Protein backbone atom coordinates (compact mmCIF):
# COMPACT_ATOMS: atom_id res chain seq x y z
CA MET A 1 13.82 134.72 -7.83
CA LYS A 2 10.70 134.69 -5.60
CA ILE A 3 8.93 131.30 -5.30
CA SER A 4 5.33 131.60 -5.03
CA ALA A 5 3.68 129.89 -1.90
CA LYS A 6 1.28 127.83 -4.24
CA TYR A 7 4.58 126.53 -5.94
CA VAL A 8 6.19 125.70 -2.61
CA ALA A 9 2.78 123.92 -1.35
CA LEU A 10 2.84 121.91 -4.54
CA LEU A 11 6.37 120.78 -4.50
CA LEU A 12 5.76 119.71 -0.85
CA ILE A 13 2.82 117.49 -1.67
CA VAL A 14 4.79 115.83 -4.38
CA ILE A 15 7.83 115.10 -1.95
CA ILE A 16 5.58 113.72 0.53
CA LEU A 17 3.70 111.55 -1.82
CA GLY A 18 6.83 110.43 -3.44
CA GLY A 19 8.31 109.41 0.05
CA VAL A 20 5.08 107.31 0.68
CA LEU A 21 5.52 105.46 -2.58
CA VAL A 22 8.88 104.59 -1.92
CA LEU A 23 8.04 103.35 1.53
CA MET A 24 5.13 101.34 0.20
CA LEU A 25 7.14 99.68 -2.60
CA SER A 26 10.04 98.86 -0.04
CA GLY A 27 7.52 97.22 2.30
CA LEU A 28 8.03 99.82 5.15
CA TRP A 29 4.81 101.70 5.04
CA ILE A 30 2.25 99.64 6.67
CA THR A 31 -1.41 100.56 6.97
CA GLU A 32 -2.54 100.32 10.62
CA GLY A 33 -4.62 96.95 11.35
CA LYS A 34 -3.42 95.51 8.14
CA LYS A 35 -1.80 92.06 9.13
CA VAL A 36 1.29 92.60 7.11
CA PRO A 37 4.67 92.48 9.10
CA THR A 38 7.27 95.08 8.14
CA LYS A 39 10.24 93.87 6.04
CA ILE A 40 14.02 93.45 7.26
CA THR A 41 15.93 96.15 5.61
CA THR A 42 19.62 95.28 6.33
CA GLY A 43 22.05 92.20 5.99
CA ALA A 44 21.50 88.85 4.36
CA TYR A 45 17.80 88.59 5.22
CA SER A 46 16.67 92.22 3.48
CA GLY A 47 13.50 92.35 1.99
CA MET A 48 12.13 89.22 4.13
CA ALA A 49 9.37 89.52 6.35
CA ASN A 50 10.46 90.16 10.16
CA PRO A 51 9.26 87.53 12.57
CA GLY A 52 9.75 90.02 15.28
CA ASP A 53 6.84 92.06 13.95
CA ILE A 54 4.32 89.34 14.59
CA ARG A 55 1.42 90.42 16.70
CA GLY A 56 -0.85 88.63 18.89
CA SER A 57 -3.76 89.56 16.74
CA TYR A 58 -2.12 87.72 13.74
CA THR A 59 -3.90 84.26 12.92
CA LEU A 60 -2.15 81.27 11.72
CA LEU A 61 -3.23 81.81 8.34
CA ASP A 62 -1.80 85.40 8.74
CA ILE A 63 1.51 83.98 9.53
CA GLU A 64 1.06 81.28 6.79
CA THR A 65 0.54 84.03 4.14
CA ASN A 66 3.52 86.16 5.15
CA PHE A 67 6.07 83.39 6.17
CA SER A 68 4.96 80.31 4.00
CA ILE A 69 4.87 78.03 7.02
CA PRO A 70 1.55 76.08 7.07
CA SER A 71 -0.91 76.79 9.72
CA GLU A 72 -1.21 73.06 10.83
CA THR A 73 2.62 73.07 11.31
CA ILE A 74 2.36 75.74 13.78
CA ALA A 75 -0.73 74.38 15.45
CA SER A 76 1.05 70.90 15.83
CA ALA A 77 4.06 72.69 17.37
CA PHE A 78 2.07 74.48 19.66
CA GLN A 79 -0.51 71.42 20.34
CA LEU A 80 -3.61 73.42 19.40
CA ASP A 81 -6.61 71.57 19.34
CA THR A 82 -7.56 71.73 15.54
CA SER A 83 -10.78 69.42 16.27
CA ILE A 84 -12.55 72.43 17.91
CA LYS A 85 -11.12 75.18 15.76
CA ASP A 86 -9.43 75.25 12.20
CA ALA A 87 -5.70 75.68 12.58
CA GLN A 88 -5.92 78.78 10.34
CA ALA A 89 -8.15 80.56 12.78
CA TYR A 90 -6.10 80.46 15.86
CA LYS A 91 -4.43 83.78 16.76
CA ALA A 92 -0.99 84.03 18.06
CA LYS A 93 -2.48 85.34 21.48
CA ASP A 94 -4.76 82.11 21.76
CA ILE A 95 -1.49 80.45 22.49
CA GLU A 96 -0.41 82.50 25.23
CA GLU A 97 -3.89 82.23 26.69
CA MET A 98 -3.72 78.51 26.41
CA TYR A 99 -0.57 77.96 28.08
CA PHE A 100 -1.31 80.71 30.68
CA ASN A 101 -4.15 78.21 31.81
CA SER A 102 -1.97 74.90 31.33
CA GLY A 103 0.02 75.18 34.58
CA LEU A 104 3.00 76.67 33.09
CA THR A 105 5.02 77.95 36.08
CA GLU A 106 8.51 78.88 34.64
CA GLY A 107 9.15 80.69 31.38
CA ASP A 108 6.51 82.09 29.20
CA ILE A 109 4.89 80.72 26.03
CA GLY A 110 3.02 83.35 23.98
CA THR A 111 3.20 85.50 20.90
CA ASP A 112 7.01 85.79 21.51
CA SER A 113 7.24 82.12 21.26
CA VAL A 114 5.45 82.15 17.84
CA LYS A 115 8.13 84.94 16.78
CA TYR A 116 10.81 82.65 17.92
CA PHE A 117 9.40 79.37 16.36
CA VAL A 118 9.15 80.98 12.97
CA SER A 119 12.64 82.47 13.15
CA LEU A 120 14.13 79.28 13.86
CA TYR A 121 11.78 77.69 11.05
CA LEU A 122 13.10 80.04 8.48
CA GLY A 123 16.60 80.63 9.80
CA ILE A 124 16.22 84.38 10.48
CA PRO A 125 18.01 85.51 13.36
CA TYR A 126 15.71 86.92 16.32
CA ALA A 127 16.40 87.49 19.97
CA PRO A 128 13.53 86.39 22.08
CA GLU A 129 12.67 87.66 25.37
CA GLU A 130 14.49 86.41 28.44
CA ASP A 131 11.71 84.31 29.64
CA THR A 132 10.43 83.03 26.11
CA ILE A 133 10.33 79.34 25.80
CA LEU A 134 8.83 76.80 23.35
CA PRO A 135 6.82 73.99 24.17
CA SER A 136 8.76 70.45 23.68
CA THR A 137 6.58 69.63 20.61
CA ALA A 138 7.71 72.66 18.85
CA VAL A 139 11.48 71.94 19.65
CA ASN A 140 10.99 68.28 18.39
CA LEU A 141 9.50 69.44 15.24
CA LEU A 142 12.06 71.90 14.41
CA ASN A 143 14.59 68.96 15.07
CA SER A 144 12.86 66.74 12.98
CA LEU A 145 12.62 68.93 10.21
CA GLU A 146 16.44 69.83 10.34
CA LYS A 147 15.73 73.39 11.13
CA ILE A 148 18.10 73.71 13.99
CA THR A 149 21.54 72.29 14.87
CA GLN A 150 21.93 69.52 17.31
CA HIS A 151 23.56 72.44 19.74
CA GLU A 152 20.34 74.34 19.31
CA TYR A 153 18.28 71.38 19.96
CA ALA A 154 19.93 70.64 23.23
CA ALA A 155 19.70 74.19 24.49
CA LEU A 156 16.10 74.63 23.46
CA SER A 157 15.11 71.17 24.96
CA GLU A 158 16.65 72.13 28.31
CA LYS A 159 14.33 75.05 28.54
CA SER A 160 11.21 73.56 26.94
CA TYR A 161 7.91 73.08 28.50
CA THR A 162 6.40 69.36 28.38
CA VAL A 163 2.59 69.26 28.58
CA ASN A 164 1.45 65.85 29.68
CA ASN A 165 0.35 64.48 26.11
CA SER A 166 -2.54 62.18 27.77
CA SER A 167 -4.18 65.19 28.89
CA MET A 168 -3.97 67.34 25.93
CA GLY A 169 -7.22 65.69 24.42
CA THR A 170 -9.36 65.80 27.60
CA ASP A 171 -12.35 67.67 27.90
CA GLN A 172 -10.69 70.05 30.66
CA ASN A 173 -8.12 71.21 28.06
CA LYS A 174 -10.83 71.49 25.27
CA ALA A 175 -12.61 73.79 27.84
CA ILE A 176 -9.47 75.88 28.32
CA GLN A 177 -8.99 76.29 24.76
CA GLN A 178 -12.36 77.24 23.96
CA SER A 179 -12.54 79.50 26.74
CA SER A 180 -9.42 81.38 25.58
CA LEU A 181 -11.38 82.00 22.25
CA THR A 182 -14.02 84.07 23.90
CA ALA A 183 -12.42 85.23 27.26
CA SER A 184 -9.58 87.70 27.05
CA THR A 185 -6.78 87.64 29.70
CA TYR A 186 -5.54 91.23 28.42
CA THR A 187 -6.60 93.39 31.18
CA ILE A 188 -6.16 97.36 30.98
CA LYS A 189 -4.28 98.65 33.94
CA GLY A 190 -2.77 102.01 34.81
CA ASN A 191 0.30 101.26 33.07
CA THR A 192 -1.21 100.01 29.91
CA THR A 193 -0.15 101.81 26.82
CA PHE A 194 -1.70 102.43 23.54
CA PHE A 195 1.01 100.18 21.84
CA ASP A 196 0.05 97.33 24.28
CA LEU A 197 -3.59 97.81 22.79
CA ILE A 198 -2.33 97.45 19.36
CA GLU A 199 -0.39 94.37 20.33
CA TRP A 200 -3.47 92.84 21.62
CA GLY A 201 -5.22 93.33 18.56
CA LEU A 202 -7.07 96.77 18.19
CA THR A 203 -6.35 99.15 15.31
CA GLN A 204 -5.38 102.69 15.51
CA GLU A 205 -8.60 103.34 13.96
CA GLU A 206 -10.46 101.74 16.74
CA ILE A 207 -8.48 103.51 19.36
CA GLU A 208 -8.86 106.83 17.76
CA GLU A 209 -12.67 106.31 17.59
CA VAL A 210 -12.88 105.84 21.29
CA LEU A 211 -10.51 108.87 21.95
CA THR A 212 -12.18 111.19 19.38
CA PHE A 213 -8.93 112.67 18.63
CA PRO A 214 -5.57 111.39 16.89
CA LEU A 215 -3.21 108.97 18.66
CA LEU A 216 -0.03 110.65 18.52
CA VAL A 217 2.36 108.89 20.92
CA LYS A 218 1.64 104.93 21.24
CA SER A 219 3.92 104.66 24.02
CA SER A 220 1.87 106.93 26.19
CA THR A 221 -0.43 105.21 28.89
CA ILE A 222 -3.99 105.36 28.57
CA LYS A 223 -4.23 106.81 32.11
CA ASP A 224 -1.86 109.65 31.21
CA VAL A 225 -3.72 110.74 28.01
CA ALA A 226 -6.92 110.57 29.95
CA GLU A 227 -5.55 112.85 32.83
CA LYS A 228 -3.93 115.20 30.07
CA GLU A 229 -7.38 115.47 27.91
CA GLY A 230 -9.46 115.86 30.96
CA ILE A 231 -11.43 112.30 30.63
CA GLU A 232 -11.93 110.08 33.14
CA PHE A 233 -9.81 107.10 33.14
CA SER A 234 -12.61 104.51 33.81
CA ILE A 235 -14.33 105.72 30.82
CA LEU A 236 -11.57 104.87 28.42
CA LYS A 237 -10.65 101.75 30.26
CA ASN A 238 -14.03 100.26 30.10
CA ALA A 239 -14.61 101.28 26.29
CA PHE A 240 -11.24 99.57 25.41
CA GLN A 241 -11.83 96.58 27.58
CA ASN A 242 -15.09 95.88 25.96
CA ILE A 243 -13.42 95.97 22.42
CA LEU A 244 -10.79 93.63 23.62
CA ASN A 245 -13.30 91.26 24.98
CA ASN A 246 -15.15 90.75 21.81
CA LEU A 247 -12.04 90.26 19.74
């Protein structure tokens, strides 16, 4: 029996739309730019939001909405100054910028630390990056809420970063935090990928608006794509940097 091309095309459309519907219902279909983390699909935590999918562009309100952890709790854990900005308005990347300017010399406190804190708070397994640490205030808070074992508390405390509490409320530290809200420390370089841009807060729509063509491979570097398309790298670099600086 010969099947018409029109019937085949209609069948393909139905299959594709059906697949998208299934993914949306399962939480695996996430619209670019939407602040909703993917869900864990296997194991005891299947169906729960994945802390590992938290991005630098997520506000503490986004995290509170998706993981039911009060914004004030996270702000307290990371010593964010809520007198100059509401806890819900801080972004995960603000934490990275603040500690980058705080004198931290060993380890890294940033978006991955937020992922790690959320995972420990909820008891969801997550393997942080090798250099990721937590501030001592976050470790102490997790311990006081009995979110971690004494063995975990000892291990986390050993690697934690202690900020001089007497200096956290000074004008100098407020200036550091205020400047982090307006000046991005994310600098586009030759090895910067499009995935980096998305992690830093850009949406795929914003990226494609600059490129003027669809972004197919997020792992590609901006420089490689510029060379392939015959575009001067500095043009794309400056355009994306301008967007980043205004986030």
